[in-house]
Amino acid sequence: NLEKISEEYHLKRIFFMGHQNPEPFYKKSKIVCLTSTHEGMPMVVNEALAYGCIPVVFDSFHAAKEMIPDTETGRLVPAFNLKQYTKTLDGLMKERYRRPNFKVLDNYKEEIITRKWLHVLKNGNE
């Protein structure tokens, strides 16, 4: 359906790539748009940060605020607000690129996650 719409509107910079290794795309990018409205804990945010891309994400799922705690890490857009999403992207594209703060990735290090899981398995949600 999206390919048909792209053709209908004669969109020239839309590509349907199919399943690909994302690394080359991350390496070329400065901004990653996560446009889905419902997620659990999307790895694309962590991957984007690891490659120095600024994630732009709808604040429509619980983990969004945890993964993007401030504007130094990425941009959270109010849920389902397409005008604000557009405005945020426009602003990012006009300003000078600054590598995002990826310190939040420390929260997902193996030793930290393992410790948390062991605590939950031993003690429940205490």
PDB file of N, CA and C in Angstrom:
ATOM      1  N   ASN A   1       0.824  -1.203   0.000  1.00  0.00           N
ATOM      2  CA  ASN A   1       0.000   0.000   0.000  1.00  0.00           C
ATOM      3  C   ASN A   1       0.864   1.262   0.000  1.00  0.00           C
ATOM      4  N   LEU A   2       1.940   1.255   0.793  1.00  0.00           N
ATOM      5  CA  LEU A   2       2.797   2.432   0.856  1.00  0.00           C
ATOM      6  C   LEU A   2       3.511   2.686  -0.470  1.00  0.00           C
ATOM      7  N   GLU A   3       3.891   1.618  -1.142  1.00  0.00           N
ATOM      8  CA  GLU A   3       4.532   1.789  -2.446  1.00  0.00           C
ATOM      9  C   GLU A   3       3.560   2.417  -3.445  1.00  0.00           C
ATOM     10  N   LYS A   4       2.295   2.001  -3.391  1.00  0.00           N
ATOM     11  CA  LYS A   4       1.279   2.574  -4.283  1.00  0.00           C
ATOM     12  C   LYS A   4       1.073   4.055  -3.984  1.00  0.00           C
ATOM     13  N   ILE A   5       0.999   4.396  -2.713  1.00  0.00           N
ATOM     14  CA  ILE A   5       0.820   5.802  -2.323  1.00  0.00           C
ATOM     15  C   ILE A   5       2.014   6.622  -2.791  1.00  0.00           C
ATOM     16  N   SER A   6       3.205   6.083  -2.623  1.00  0.00           N
ATOM     17  CA  SER A   6       4.425   6.763  -3.055  1.00  0.00           C
ATOM     18  C   SER A   6       4.380   7.046  -4.558  1.00  0.00           C
ATOM     19  N   GLU A   7       3.929   6.078  -5.306  1.00  0.00           N
ATOM     20  CA  GLU A   7       3.822   6.254  -6.759  1.00  0.00           C
ATOM     21  C   GLU A   7       2.730   7.263  -7.112  1.00  0.00           C
ATOM     22  N   GLU A   8       1.582   7.166  -6.437  1.00  0.00           N
ATOM     23  CA  GLU A   8       0.458   8.079  -6.675  1.00  0.00           C
ATOM     24  C   GLU A   8       0.861   9.529  -6.513  1.00  0.00           C
ATOM     25  N   TYR A   9       1.634   9.808  -5.480  1.00  0.00           N
ATOM     26  CA  TYR A   9       2.040  11.177  -5.173  1.00  0.00           C
ATOM     27  C   TYR A   9       3.385  11.550  -5.807  1.00  0.00           C
ATOM     28  N   HIS A  10       3.919  10.661  -6.618  1.00  0.00           N
ATOM     29  CA  HIS A  10       5.187  10.899  -7.323  1.00  0.00           C
ATOM     30  C   HIS A  10       6.301  11.311  -6.349  1.00  0.00           C
ATOM     31  N   LEU A  11       6.385  10.593  -5.230  1.00  0.00           N
ATOM     32  CA  LEU A  11       7.416  10.886  -4.236  1.00  0.00           C
ATOM     33  C   LEU A  11       8.748  10.363  -4.743  1.00  0.00           C
ATOM     34  N   LYS A  12       9.747  11.218  -4.753  1.00  0.00           N
ATOM     35  CA  LYS A  12      11.020  10.868  -5.377  1.00  0.00           C
ATOM     36  C   LYS A  12      12.076  10.391  -4.377  1.00  0.00           C
ATOM     37  N   ARG A  13      11.959  10.745  -3.116  1.00  0.00           N
ATOM     38  CA  ARG A  13      12.997  10.365  -2.154  1.00  0.00           C
ATOM     39  C   ARG A  13      12.470   9.355  -1.136  1.00  0.00           C
ATOM     40  N   ILE A  14      11.641   8.444  -1.592  1.00  0.00           N
ATOM     41  CA  ILE A  14      11.105   7.371  -0.761  1.00  0.00           C
ATOM     42  C   ILE A  14      11.644   6.058  -1.324  1.00  0.00           C
ATOM     43  N   PHE A  15      12.258   5.271  -0.464  1.00  0.00           N
ATOM     44  CA  PHE A  15      12.826   3.996  -0.902  1.00  0.00           C
ATOM     45  C   PHE A  15      12.305   2.882   0.000  1.00  0.00           C
ATOM     46  N   PHE A  16      11.940   1.780  -0.574  1.00  0.00           N
ATOM     47  CA  PHE A  16      11.497   0.609   0.158  1.00  0.00           C
ATOM     48  C   PHE A  16      12.609  -0.429   0.034  1.00  0.00           C
ATOM     49  N   MET A  17      13.341  -0.600   1.118  1.00  0.00           N
ATOM     50  CA  MET A  17      14.576  -1.373   1.079  1.00  0.00           C
ATOM     51  C   MET A  17      14.400  -2.844   1.469  1.00  0.00           C
ATOM     52  N   GLY A  18      13.317  -3.191   2.108  1.00  0.00           N
ATOM     53  CA  GLY A  18      13.175  -4.554   2.594  1.00  0.00           C
ATOM     54  C   GLY A  18      14.092  -4.792   3.778  1.00  0.00           C
ATOM     55  N   HIS A  19      14.287  -6.037   4.134  1.00  0.00           N
ATOM     56  CA  HIS A  19      15.130  -6.375   5.281  1.00  0.00           C
ATOM     57  C   HIS A  19      16.593  -6.083   4.948  1.00  0.00           C
ATOM     58  N   GLN A  20      17.236  -5.263   5.768  1.00  0.00           N
ATOM     59  CA  GLN A  20      18.622  -4.865   5.534  1.00  0.00           C
ATOM     60  C   GLN A  20      19.381  -4.818   6.855  1.00  0.00           C
ATOM     61  N   ASN A  21      20.682  -4.902   6.790  1.00  0.00           N
ATOM     62  CA  ASN A  21      21.539  -4.629   7.940  1.00  0.00           C
ATOM     63  C   ASN A  21      21.452  -3.121   8.188  1.00  0.00           C
ATOM     64  N   PRO A  22      21.044  -2.674   9.386  1.00  0.00           N
ATOM     65  CA  PRO A  22      20.845  -1.241   9.609  1.00  0.00           C
ATOM     66  C   PRO A  22      22.131  -0.431   9.785  1.00  0.00           C
ATOM     67  N   GLU A  23      23.264  -1.096  10.025  1.00  0.00           N
ATOM     68  CA  GLU A  23      24.493  -0.376  10.350  1.00  0.00           C
ATOM     69  C   GLU A  23      24.878   0.699   9.328  1.00  0.00           C
ATOM     70  N   PRO A  24      24.885   0.416   8.029  1.00  0.00           N
ATOM     71  CA  PRO A  24      25.262   1.468   7.071  1.00  0.00           C
ATOM     72  C   PRO A  24      24.327   2.684   7.122  1.00  0.00           C
ATOM     73  N   PHE A  25      23.057   2.441   7.416  1.00  0.00           N
ATOM     74  CA  PHE A  25      22.095   3.539   7.496  1.00  0.00           C
ATOM     75  C   PHE A  25      22.368   4.404   8.731  1.00  0.00           C
ATOM     76  N   TYR A  26      22.633   3.745   9.864  1.00  0.00           N
ATOM     77  CA  TYR A  26      22.970   4.489  11.079  1.00  0.00           C
ATOM     78  C   TYR A  26      24.233   5.323  10.866  1.00  0.00           C
ATOM     79  N   LYS A  27      25.217   4.757  10.197  1.00  0.00           N
ATOM     80  CA  LYS A  27      26.489   5.457   9.990  1.00  0.00           C
ATOM     81  C   LYS A  27      26.327   6.715   9.138  1.00  0.00           C
ATOM     82  N   LYS A  28      25.361   6.724   8.233  1.00  0.00           N
ATOM     83  CA  LYS A  28      25.121   7.884   7.370  1.00  0.00           C
ATOM     84  C   LYS A  28      24.194   8.915   8.016  1.00  0.00           C
ATOM     85  N   SER A  29      23.483   8.523   9.059  1.00  0.00           N
ATOM     86  CA  SER A  29      22.403   9.346   9.598  1.00  0.00           C
ATOM     87  C   SER A  29      22.823  10.208  10.777  1.00  0.00           C
ATOM     88  N   LYS A  30      22.101  11.275  10.969  1.00  0.00           N
ATOM     89  CA  LYS A  30      22.255  12.136  12.146  1.00  0.00           C
ATOM     90  C   LYS A  30      20.997  12.098  13.008  1.00  0.00           C
ATOM     91  N   ILE A  31      19.865  11.748  12.392  1.00  0.00           N
ATOM     92  CA  ILE A  31      18.572  11.707  13.081  1.00  0.00           C
ATOM     93  C   ILE A  31      17.914  10.369  12.753  1.00  0.00           C
ATOM     94  N   VAL A  32      17.294   9.750  13.763  1.00  0.00           N
ATOM     95  CA  VAL A  32      16.504   8.539  13.544  1.00  0.00           C
ATOM     96  C   VAL A  32      15.086   8.821  14.025  1.00  0.00           C
ATOM     97  N   CYS A  33      14.124   8.609  13.149  1.00  0.00           N
ATOM     98  CA  CYS A  33      12.718   8.856  13.473  1.00  0.00           C
ATOM     99  C   CYS A  33      12.041   7.542  13.848  1.00  0.00           C
ATOM    100  N   LEU A  34      11.578   7.469  15.078  1.00  0.00           N
ATOM    101  CA  LEU A  34      10.764   6.328  15.501  1.00  0.00           C
ATOM    102  C   LEU A  34       9.326   6.826  15.493  1.00  0.00           C
ATOM    103  N   THR A  35       8.587   6.424  14.486  1.00  0.00           N
ATOM    104  CA  THR A  35       7.241   6.964  14.294  1.00  0.00           C
ATOM    105  C   THR A  35       6.144   6.032  14.790  1.00  0.00           C
ATOM    106  N   SER A  36       6.526   4.872  15.290  1.00  0.00           N
ATOM    107  CA  SER A  36       5.495   3.972  15.808  1.00  0.00           C
ATOM    108  C   SER A  36       4.889   4.584  17.070  1.00  0.00           C
ATOM    109  N   THR A  37       3.644   4.254  17.317  1.00  0.00           N
ATOM    110  CA  THR A  37       2.945   4.852  18.460  1.00  0.00           C
ATOM    111  C   THR A  37       2.915   3.945  19.680  1.00  0.00           C
ATOM    112  N   HIS A  38       3.218   2.689  19.495  1.00  0.00           N
ATOM    113  CA  HIS A  38       3.224   1.759  20.623  1.00  0.00           C
ATOM    114  C   HIS A  38       4.475   0.894  20.548  1.00  0.00           C
ATOM    115  N   GLU A  39       5.208   0.863  21.620  1.00  0.00           N
ATOM    116  CA  GLU A  39       6.443   0.079  21.687  1.00  0.00           C
ATOM    117  C   GLU A  39       6.575  -0.485  23.093  1.00  0.00           C
ATOM    118  N   GLY A  40       7.451  -1.447  23.235  1.00  0.00           N
ATOM    119  CA  GLY A  40       7.830  -1.927  24.560  1.00  0.00           C
ATOM    120  C   GLY A  40       9.084  -1.176  24.963  1.00  0.00           C
ATOM    121  N   MET A  41      10.206  -1.740  24.606  1.00  0.00           N
ATOM    122  CA  MET A  41      11.519  -1.132  24.840  1.00  0.00           C
ATOM    123  C   MET A  41      12.259  -1.204  23.511  1.00  0.00           C
ATOM    124  N   PRO A  42      12.043  -0.232  22.614  1.00  0.00           N
ATOM    125  CA  PRO A  42      12.575  -0.336  21.262  1.00  0.00           C
ATOM    126  C   PRO A  42      14.095  -0.234  21.209  1.00  0.00           C
ATOM    127  N   MET A  43      14.723  -1.247  20.659  1.00  0.00           N
ATOM    128  CA  MET A  43      16.181  -1.267  20.524  1.00  0.00           C
ATOM    129  C   MET A  43      16.685  -0.186  19.578  1.00  0.00           C
ATOM    130  N   VAL A  44      15.834   0.267  18.671  1.00  0.00           N
ATOM    131  CA  VAL A  44      16.265   1.267  17.694  1.00  0.00           C
ATOM    132  C   VAL A  44      16.748   2.543  18.384  1.00  0.00           C
ATOM    133  N   VAL A  45      16.191   2.883  19.540  1.00  0.00           N
ATOM    134  CA  VAL A  45      16.641   4.081  20.263  1.00  0.00           C
ATOM    135  C   VAL A  45      18.073   3.889  20.750  1.00  0.00           C
ATOM    136  N   ASN A  46      18.349   2.756  21.366  1.00  0.00           N
ATOM    137  CA  ASN A  46      19.707   2.476  21.836  1.00  0.00           C
ATOM    138  C   ASN A  46      20.687   2.362  20.677  1.00  0.00           C
ATOM    139  N   GLU A  47      20.267   1.720  19.598  1.00  0.00           N
ATOM    140  CA  GLU A  47      21.133   1.600  18.429  1.00  0.00           C
ATOM    141  C   GLU A  47      21.438   2.978  17.854  1.00  0.00           C
ATOM    142  N   ALA A  48      20.426   3.829  17.744  1.00  0.00           N
ATOM    143  CA  ALA A  48      20.620   5.181  17.214  1.00  0.00           C
ATOM    144  C   ALA A  48      21.647   5.932  18.051  1.00  0.00           C
ATOM    145  N   LEU A  49      21.485   5.894  19.367  1.00  0.00           N
ATOM    146  CA  LEU A  49      22.413   6.592  20.256  1.00  0.00           C
ATOM    147  C   LEU A  49      23.829   6.045  20.116  1.00  0.00           C
ATOM    148  N   ALA A  50      23.952   4.729  20.025  1.00  0.00           N
ATOM    149  CA  ALA A  50      25.274   4.112  19.912  1.00  0.00           C
ATOM    150  C   ALA A  50      26.008   4.577  18.647  1.00  0.00           C
ATOM    151  N   TYR A  51      25.251   4.913  17.604  1.00  0.00           N
ATOM    152  CA  TYR A  51      25.849   5.391  16.360  1.00  0.00           C
ATOM    153  C   TYR A  51      25.894   6.921  16.273  1.00  0.00           C
ATOM    154  N   GLY A  52      25.492   7.596  17.342  1.00  0.00           N
ATOM    155  CA  GLY A  52      25.548   9.054  17.346  1.00  0.00           C
ATOM    156  C   GLY A  52      24.370   9.731  16.672  1.00  0.00           C
ATOM    157  N   CYS A  53      23.289   8.998  16.453  1.00  0.00           N
ATOM    158  CA  CYS A  53      22.086   9.570  15.843  1.00  0.00           C
ATOM    159  C   CYS A  53      21.152  10.093  16.935  1.00  0.00           C
ATOM    160  N   ILE A  54      20.469  11.169  16.652  1.00  0.00           N
ATOM    161  CA  ILE A  54      19.507  11.747  17.585  1.00  0.00           C
ATOM    162  C   ILE A  54      18.159  11.081  17.352  1.00  0.00           C
ATOM    163  N   PRO A  55      17.631  10.349  18.349  1.00  0.00           N
ATOM    164  CA  PRO A  55      16.319   9.727  18.172  1.00  0.00           C
ATOM    165  C   PRO A  55      15.192  10.731  18.411  1.00  0.00           C
ATOM    166  N   VAL A  56      14.209  10.716  17.535  1.00  0.00           N
ATOM    167  CA  VAL A  56      12.995  11.516  17.684  1.00  0.00           C
ATOM    168  C   VAL A  56      11.855  10.519  17.846  1.00  0.00           C
ATOM    169  N   VAL A  57      11.180  10.595  18.999  1.00  0.00           N
ATOM    170  CA  VAL A  57      10.257   9.531  19.410  1.00  0.00           C
ATOM    171  C   VAL A  57       8.964  10.124  19.956  1.00  0.00           C
ATOM    172  N   PHE A  58       7.836   9.518  19.608  1.00  0.00           N
ATOM    173  CA  PHE A  58       6.573   9.887  20.248  1.00  0.00           C
ATOM    174  C   PHE A  58       6.581   9.408  21.695  1.00  0.00           C
ATOM    175  N   ASP A  59       6.126  10.244  22.595  1.00  0.00           N
ATOM    176  CA  ASP A  59       6.009   9.886  24.014  1.00  0.00           C
ATOM    177  C   ASP A  59       4.693   9.132  24.218  1.00  0.00           C
ATOM    178  N   SER A  60       4.618   7.967  23.601  1.00  0.00           N
ATOM    179  CA  SER A  60       3.360   7.210  23.617  1.00  0.00           C
ATOM    180  C   SER A  60       3.519   5.822  24.233  1.00  0.00           C
ATOM    181  N   PHE A  61       4.677   5.549  24.825  1.00  0.00           N
ATOM    182  CA  PHE A  61       4.884   4.267  25.491  1.00  0.00           C
ATOM    183  C   PHE A  61       5.741   4.507  26.722  1.00  0.00           C
ATOM    184  N   HIS A  62       5.582   3.651  27.700  1.00  0.00           N
ATOM    185  CA  HIS A  62       6.177   3.854  29.018  1.00  0.00           C
ATOM    186  C   HIS A  62       7.688   4.076  28.989  1.00  0.00           C
ATOM    187  N   ALA A  63       8.409   3.315  28.210  1.00  0.00           N
ATOM    188  CA  ALA A  63       9.871   3.370  28.224  1.00  0.00           C
ATOM    189  C   ALA A  63      10.441   4.628  27.562  1.00  0.00           C
ATOM    190  N   ALA A  64       9.623   5.379  26.840  1.00  0.00           N
ATOM    191  CA  ALA A  64      10.125   6.533  26.094  1.00  0.00           C
ATOM    192  C   ALA A  64      10.848   7.527  27.006  1.00  0.00           C
ATOM    193  N   LYS A  65      10.235   7.887  28.132  1.00  0.00           N
ATOM    194  CA  LYS A  65      10.849   8.861  29.045  1.00  0.00           C
ATOM    195  C   LYS A  65      12.127   8.304  29.684  1.00  0.00           C
ATOM    196  N   GLU A  66      12.167   7.013  29.905  1.00  0.00           N
ATOM    197  CA  GLU A  66      13.363   6.393  30.483  1.00  0.00           C
ATOM    198  C   GLU A  66      14.500   6.381  29.465  1.00  0.00           C
ATOM    199  N   MET A  67      14.167   6.122  28.212  1.00  0.00           N
ATOM    200  CA  MET A  67      15.188   6.012  27.180  1.00  0.00           C
ATOM    201  C   MET A  67      15.673   7.377  26.693  1.00  0.00           C
ATOM    202  N   ILE A  68      14.799   8.364  26.754  1.00  0.00           N
ATOM    203  CA  ILE A  68      15.157   9.720  26.324  1.00  0.00           C
ATOM    204  C   ILE A  68      14.784  10.674  27.462  1.00  0.00           C
ATOM    205  N   PRO A  69      15.649  10.741  28.491  1.00  0.00           N
ATOM    206  CA  PRO A  69      15.310  11.527  29.684  1.00  0.00           C
ATOM    207  C   PRO A  69      15.422  13.040  29.492  1.00  0.00           C
ATOM    208  N   ASP A  70      16.094  13.492  28.443  1.00  0.00           N
ATOM    209  CA  ASP A  70      16.281  14.932  28.256  1.00  0.00           C
ATOM    210  C   ASP A  70      16.588  15.233  26.792  1.00  0.00           C
ATOM    211  N   THR A  71      16.639  16.519  26.442  1.00  0.00           N
ATOM    212  CA  THR A  71      16.879  16.898  25.047  1.00  0.00           C
ATOM    213  C   THR A  71      18.327  16.706  24.625  1.00  0.00           C
ATOM    214  N   GLU A  72      19.210  16.416  25.578  1.00  0.00           N
ATOM    215  CA  GLU A  72      20.593  16.107  25.213  1.00  0.00           C
ATOM    216  C   GLU A  72      20.698  14.684  24.658  1.00  0.00           C
ATOM    217  N   THR A  73      19.739  13.839  24.993  1.00  0.00           N
ATOM    218  CA  THR A  73      19.738  12.444  24.558  1.00  0.00           C
ATOM    219  C   THR A  73      18.963  12.260  23.256  1.00  0.00           C
ATOM    220  N   GLY A  74      17.875  12.956  23.105  1.00  0.00           N
ATOM    221  CA  GLY A  74      17.026  12.845  21.917  1.00  0.00           C
ATOM    222  C   GLY A  74      15.860  13.792  22.066  1.00  0.00           C
ATOM    223  N   ARG A  75      14.820  13.552  21.309  1.00  0.00           N
ATOM    224  CA  ARG A  75      13.640  14.409  21.383  1.00  0.00           C
ATOM    225  C   ARG A  75      12.402  13.552  21.599  1.00  0.00           C
ATOM    226  N   LEU A  76      11.655  13.888  22.627  1.00  0.00           N
ATOM    227  CA  LEU A  76      10.351  13.270  22.878  1.00  0.00           C
ATOM    228  C   LEU A  76       9.282  14.229  22.390  1.00  0.00           C
ATOM    229  N   VAL A  77       8.370  13.728  21.599  1.00  0.00           N
ATOM    230  CA  VAL A  77       7.289  14.532  21.061  1.00  0.00           C
ATOM    231  C   VAL A  77       5.997  14.043  21.703  1.00  0.00           C
ATOM    232  N   PRO A  78       5.127  14.972  22.127  1.00  0.00           N
ATOM    233  CA  PRO A  78       3.856  14.524  22.708  1.00  0.00           C
ATOM    234  C   PRO A  78       3.167  13.500  21.806  1.00  0.00           C
ATOM    235  N   ALA A  79       2.598  12.491  22.430  1.00  0.00           N
ATOM    236  CA  ALA A  79       1.986  11.372  21.702  1.00  0.00           C
ATOM    237  C   ALA A  79       1.024  11.852  20.618  1.00  0.00           C
ATOM    238  N   PHE A  80       1.222  11.303  19.440  1.00  0.00           N
ATOM    239  CA  PHE A  80       0.329  11.471  18.294  1.00  0.00           C
ATOM    240  C   PHE A  80       0.266  12.905  17.752  1.00  0.00           C
ATOM    241  N   ASN A  81       1.153  13.798  18.207  1.00  0.00           N
ATOM    242  CA  ASN A  81       1.129  15.189  17.758  1.00  0.00           C
ATOM    243  C   ASN A  81       2.029  15.335  16.522  1.00  0.00           C
ATOM    244  N   LEU A  82       1.429  15.138  15.351  1.00  0.00           N
ATOM    245  CA  LEU A  82       2.189  15.162  14.097  1.00  0.00           C
ATOM    246  C   LEU A  82       2.765  16.541  13.795  1.00  0.00           C
ATOM    247  N   LYS A  83       2.040  17.594  14.142  1.00  0.00           N
ATOM    248  CA  LYS A  83       2.551  18.948  13.901  1.00  0.00           C
ATOM    249  C   LYS A  83       3.813  19.190  14.729  1.00  0.00           C
ATOM    250  N   GLN A  84       3.793  18.767  15.985  1.00  0.00           N
ATOM    251  CA  GLN A  84       4.965  18.953  16.833  1.00  0.00           C
ATOM    252  C   GLN A  84       6.126  18.074  16.362  1.00  0.00           C
ATOM    253  N   TYR A  85       5.819  16.873  15.895  1.00  0.00           N
ATOM    254  CA  TYR A  85       6.862  15.984  15.370  1.00  0.00           C
ATOM    255  C   TYR A  85       7.563  16.660  14.191  1.00  0.00           C
ATOM    256  N   THR A  86       6.757  17.216  13.282  1.00  0.00           N
ATOM    257  CA  THR A  86       7.298  17.918  12.122  1.00  0.00           C
ATOM    258  C   THR A  86       8.137  19.108  12.552  1.00  0.00           C
ATOM    259  N   LYS A  87       7.628  19.877  13.490  1.00  0.00           N
ATOM    260  CA  LYS A  87       8.348  21.058  13.987  1.00  0.00           C
ATOM    261  C   LYS A  87       9.679  20.661  14.636  1.00  0.00           C
ATOM    262  N   THR A  88       9.653  19.567  15.392  1.00  0.00           N
ATOM    263  CA  THR A  88      10.872  19.069  16.042  1.00  0.00           C
ATOM    264  C   THR A  88      11.905  18.653  15.005  1.00  0.00           C
ATOM    265  N   LEU A  89      11.483  17.899  13.999  1.00  0.00           N
ATOM    266  CA  LEU A  89      12.402  17.488  12.926  1.00  0.00           C
ATOM    267  C   LEU A  89      12.958  18.692  12.177  1.00  0.00           C
ATOM    268  N   ASP A  90      12.096  19.625  11.876  1.00  0.00           N
ATOM    269  CA  ASP A  90      12.529  20.825  11.165  1.00  0.00           C
ATOM    270  C   ASP A  90      13.596  21.565  11.974  1.00  0.00           C
ATOM    271  N   GLY A  91      13.366  21.704  13.268  1.00  0.00           N
ATOM    272  CA  GLY A  91      14.333  22.371  14.132  1.00  0.00           C
ATOM    273  C   GLY A  91      15.671  21.643  14.171  1.00  0.00           C
ATOM    274  N   LEU A  92      15.632  20.326  14.297  1.00  0.00           N
ATOM    275  CA  LEU A  92      16.865  19.544  14.329  1.00  0.00           C
ATOM    276  C   LEU A  92      17.646  19.662  13.023  1.00  0.00           C
ATOM    277  N   MET A  93      16.938  19.667  11.911  1.00  0.00           N
ATOM    278  CA  MET A  93      17.612  19.741  10.621  1.00  0.00           C
ATOM    279  C   MET A  93      18.233  21.112  10.376  1.00  0.00           C
ATOM    280  N   LYS A  94      17.689  22.146  11.008  1.00  0.00           N
ATOM    281  CA  LYS A  94      18.207  23.502  10.816  1.00  0.00           C
ATOM    282  C   LYS A  94      19.366  23.823  11.754  1.00  0.00           C
ATOM    283  N   GLU A  95      19.385  23.196  12.925  1.00  0.00           N
ATOM    284  CA  GLU A  95      20.435  23.532  13.881  1.00  0.00           C
ATOM    285  C   GLU A  95      21.703  22.733  13.612  1.00  0.00           C
ATOM    286  N   ARG A  96      22.786  23.212  14.160  1.00  0.00           N
ATOM    287  CA  ARG A  96      24.075  22.527  14.030  1.00  0.00           C
ATOM    288  C   ARG A  96      23.999  21.183  14.769  1.00  0.00           C
ATOM    289  N   TYR A  97      24.473  20.133  14.132  1.00  0.00           N
ATOM    290  CA  TYR A  97      24.442  18.801  14.747  1.00  0.00           C
ATOM    291  C   TYR A  97      25.344  18.753  15.976  1.00  0.00           C
ATOM    292  N   ARG A  98      24.788  18.213  17.054  1.00  0.00           N
ATOM    293  CA  ARG A  98      25.569  17.916  18.260  1.00  0.00           C
ATOM    294  C   ARG A  98      25.311  16.463  18.608  1.00  0.00           C
ATOM    295  N   ARG A  99      26.377  15.721  18.755  1.00  0.00           N
ATOM    296  CA  ARG A  99      26.259  14.299  19.095  1.00  0.00           C
ATOM    297  C   ARG A  99      25.405  14.153  20.356  1.00  0.00           C
ATOM    298  N   PRO A 100      24.433  13.232  20.344  1.00  0.00           N
ATOM    299  CA  PRO A 100      23.573  13.077  21.522  1.00  0.00           C
ATOM    300  C   PRO A 100      24.333  12.477  22.708  1.00  0.00           C
ATOM    301  N   ASN A 101      23.848  12.779  23.888  1.00  0.00           N
ATOM    302  CA  ASN A 101      24.389  12.195  25.110  1.00  0.00           C
ATOM    303  C   ASN A 101      23.901  10.749  25.172  1.00  0.00           C
ATOM    304  N   PHE A 102      24.814   9.819  25.164  1.00  0.00           N
ATOM    305  CA  PHE A 102      24.398   8.412  25.183  1.00  0.00           C
ATOM    306  C   PHE A 102      24.671   7.759  26.535  1.00  0.00           C
ATOM    307  N   LYS A 103      24.835   8.567  27.585  1.00  0.00           N
ATOM    308  CA  LYS A 103      25.054   8.034  28.929  1.00  0.00           C
ATOM    309  C   LYS A 103      23.903   7.115  29.373  1.00  0.00           C
ATOM    310  N   VAL A 104      22.707   7.367  28.871  1.00  0.00           N
ATOM    311  CA  VAL A 104      21.554   6.531  29.211  1.00  0.00           C
ATOM    312  C   VAL A 104      21.801   5.061  28.842  1.00  0.00           C
ATOM    313  N   LEU A 105      22.690   4.815  27.874  1.00  0.00           N
ATOM    314  CA  LEU A 105      22.996   3.438  27.487  1.00  0.00           C
ATOM    315  C   LEU A 105      23.654   2.661  28.624  1.00  0.00           C
ATOM    316  N   ASP A 106      24.285   3.387  29.562  1.00  0.00           N
ATOM    317  CA  ASP A 106      24.878   2.716  30.724  1.00  0.00           C
ATOM    318  C   ASP A 106      23.835   1.933  31.511  1.00  0.00           C
ATOM    319  N   ASN A 107      22.573   2.390  31.464  1.00  0.00           N
ATOM    320  CA  ASN A 107      21.493   1.695  32.179  1.00  0.00           C
ATOM    321  C   ASN A 107      21.228   0.297  31.632  1.00  0.00           C
ATOM    322  N   TYR A 108      21.713   0.034  30.438  1.00  0.00           N
ATOM    323  CA  TYR A 108      21.417  -1.242  29.786  1.00  0.00           C
ATOM    324  C   TYR A 108      22.636  -2.154  29.674  1.00  0.00           C
ATOM    325  N   LYS A 109      23.687  -1.826  30.415  1.00  0.00           N
ATOM    326  CA  LYS A 109      24.863  -2.696  30.420  1.00  0.00           C
ATOM    327  C   LYS A 109      24.501  -4.038  31.030  1.00  0.00           C
ATOM    328  N   GLU A 110      25.150  -5.064  30.521  1.00  0.00           N
ATOM    329  CA  GLU A 110      24.839  -6.438  30.936  1.00  0.00           C
ATOM    330  C   GLU A 110      24.893  -6.611  32.445  1.00  0.00           C
ATOM    331  N   GLU A 111      25.931  -6.091  33.101  1.00  0.00           N
ATOM    332  CA  GLU A 111      26.060  -6.295  34.547  1.00  0.00           C
ATOM    333  C   GLU A 111      24.933  -5.614  35.332  1.00  0.00           C
ATOM    334  N   ILE A 112      24.453  -4.493  34.847  1.00  0.00           N
ATOM    335  CA  ILE A 112      23.355  -3.794  35.530  1.00  0.00           C
ATOM    336  C   ILE A 112      22.047  -4.545  35.337  1.00  0.00           C
ATOM    337  N   ILE A 113      21.758  -4.951  34.115  1.00  0.00           N
ATOM    338  CA  ILE A 113      20.524  -5.691  33.827  1.00  0.00           C
ATOM    339  C   ILE A 113      20.524  -7.031  34.560  1.00  0.00           C
ATOM    340  N   THR A 114      21.660  -7.713  34.558  1.00  0.00           N
ATOM    341  CA  THR A 114      21.757  -9.004  35.251  1.00  0.00           C
ATOM    342  C   THR A 114      21.464  -8.834  36.737  1.00  0.00           C
ATOM    343  N   ARG A 115      22.057  -7.815  37.339  1.00  0.00           N
ATOM    344  CA  ARG A 115      21.830  -7.558  38.764  1.00  0.00           C
ATOM    345  C   ARG A 115      20.346  -7.291  39.042  1.00  0.00           C
ATOM    346  N   LYS A 116      19.710  -6.516  38.195  1.00  0.00           N
ATOM    347  CA  LYS A 116      18.279  -6.218  38.375  1.00  0.00           C
ATOM    348  C   LYS A 116      17.428  -7.480  38.237  1.00  0.00           C
ATOM    349  N   TRP A 117      17.724  -8.291  37.229  1.00  0.00           N
ATOM    350  CA  TRP A 117      16.976  -9.531  37.044  1.00  0.00           C
ATOM    351  C   TRP A 117      17.159 -10.472  38.233  1.00  0.00           C
ATOM    352  N   LEU A 118      18.374 -10.612  38.705  1.00  0.00           N
ATOM    353  CA  LEU A 118      18.618 -11.484  39.857  1.00  0.00           C
ATOM    354  C   LEU A 118      17.848 -10.993  41.078  1.00  0.00           C
ATOM    355  N   HIS A 119      17.800  -9.685  41.270  1.00  0.00           N
ATOM    356  CA  HIS A 119      17.043  -9.127  42.396  1.00  0.00           C
ATOM    357  C   HIS A 119      15.555  -9.453  42.258  1.00  0.00           C
ATOM    358  N   VAL A 120      15.005  -9.254  41.069  1.00  0.00           N
ATOM    359  CA  VAL A 120      13.586  -9.539  40.843  1.00  0.00           C
ATOM    360  C   VAL A 120      13.299 -11.021  41.033  1.00  0.00           C
ATOM    361  N   LEU A 121      14.169 -11.887  40.514  1.00  0.00           N
ATOM    362  CA  LEU A 121      13.949 -13.315  40.642  1.00  0.00           C
ATOM    363  C   LEU A 121      14.038 -13.796  42.087  1.00  0.00           C
ATOM    364  N   LYS A 122      14.914 -13.151  42.876  1.00  0.00           N
ATOM    365  CA  LYS A 122      15.067 -13.518  44.284  1.00  0.00           C
ATOM    366  C   LYS A 122      13.990 -12.917  45.173  1.00  0.00           C
ATOM    367  N   ASN A 123      13.653 -11.657  44.901  1.00  0.00           N
ATOM    368  CA  ASN A 123      12.808 -10.889  45.828  1.00  0.00           C
ATOM    369  C   ASN A 123      11.464 -10.447  45.258  1.00  0.00           C
ATOM    370  N   GLY A 124      11.187 -10.743  44.057  1.00  0.00           N
ATOM    371  CA  GLY A 124       9.973 -10.219  43.453  1.00  0.00           C
ATOM    372  C   GLY A 124      10.157  -8.741  43.150  1.00  0.00           C
ATOM    373  N   ASN A 125       9.092  -7.992  43.200  1.00  0.00           N
ATOM    374  CA  ASN A 125       9.150  -6.560  42.881  1.00  0.00           C
ATOM    375  C   ASN A 125       9.416  -5.678  44.095  1.00  0.00           C
ATOM    376  N   GLU A 126       9.969  -6.227  45.145  1.00  0.00           N
ATOM    377  CA  GLU A 126      10.239  -5.433  46.358  1.00  0.00           C
ATOM    378  C   GLU A 126      11.166  -4.284  46.077  1.00  0.00           C
TER     379      GLU A 126
END
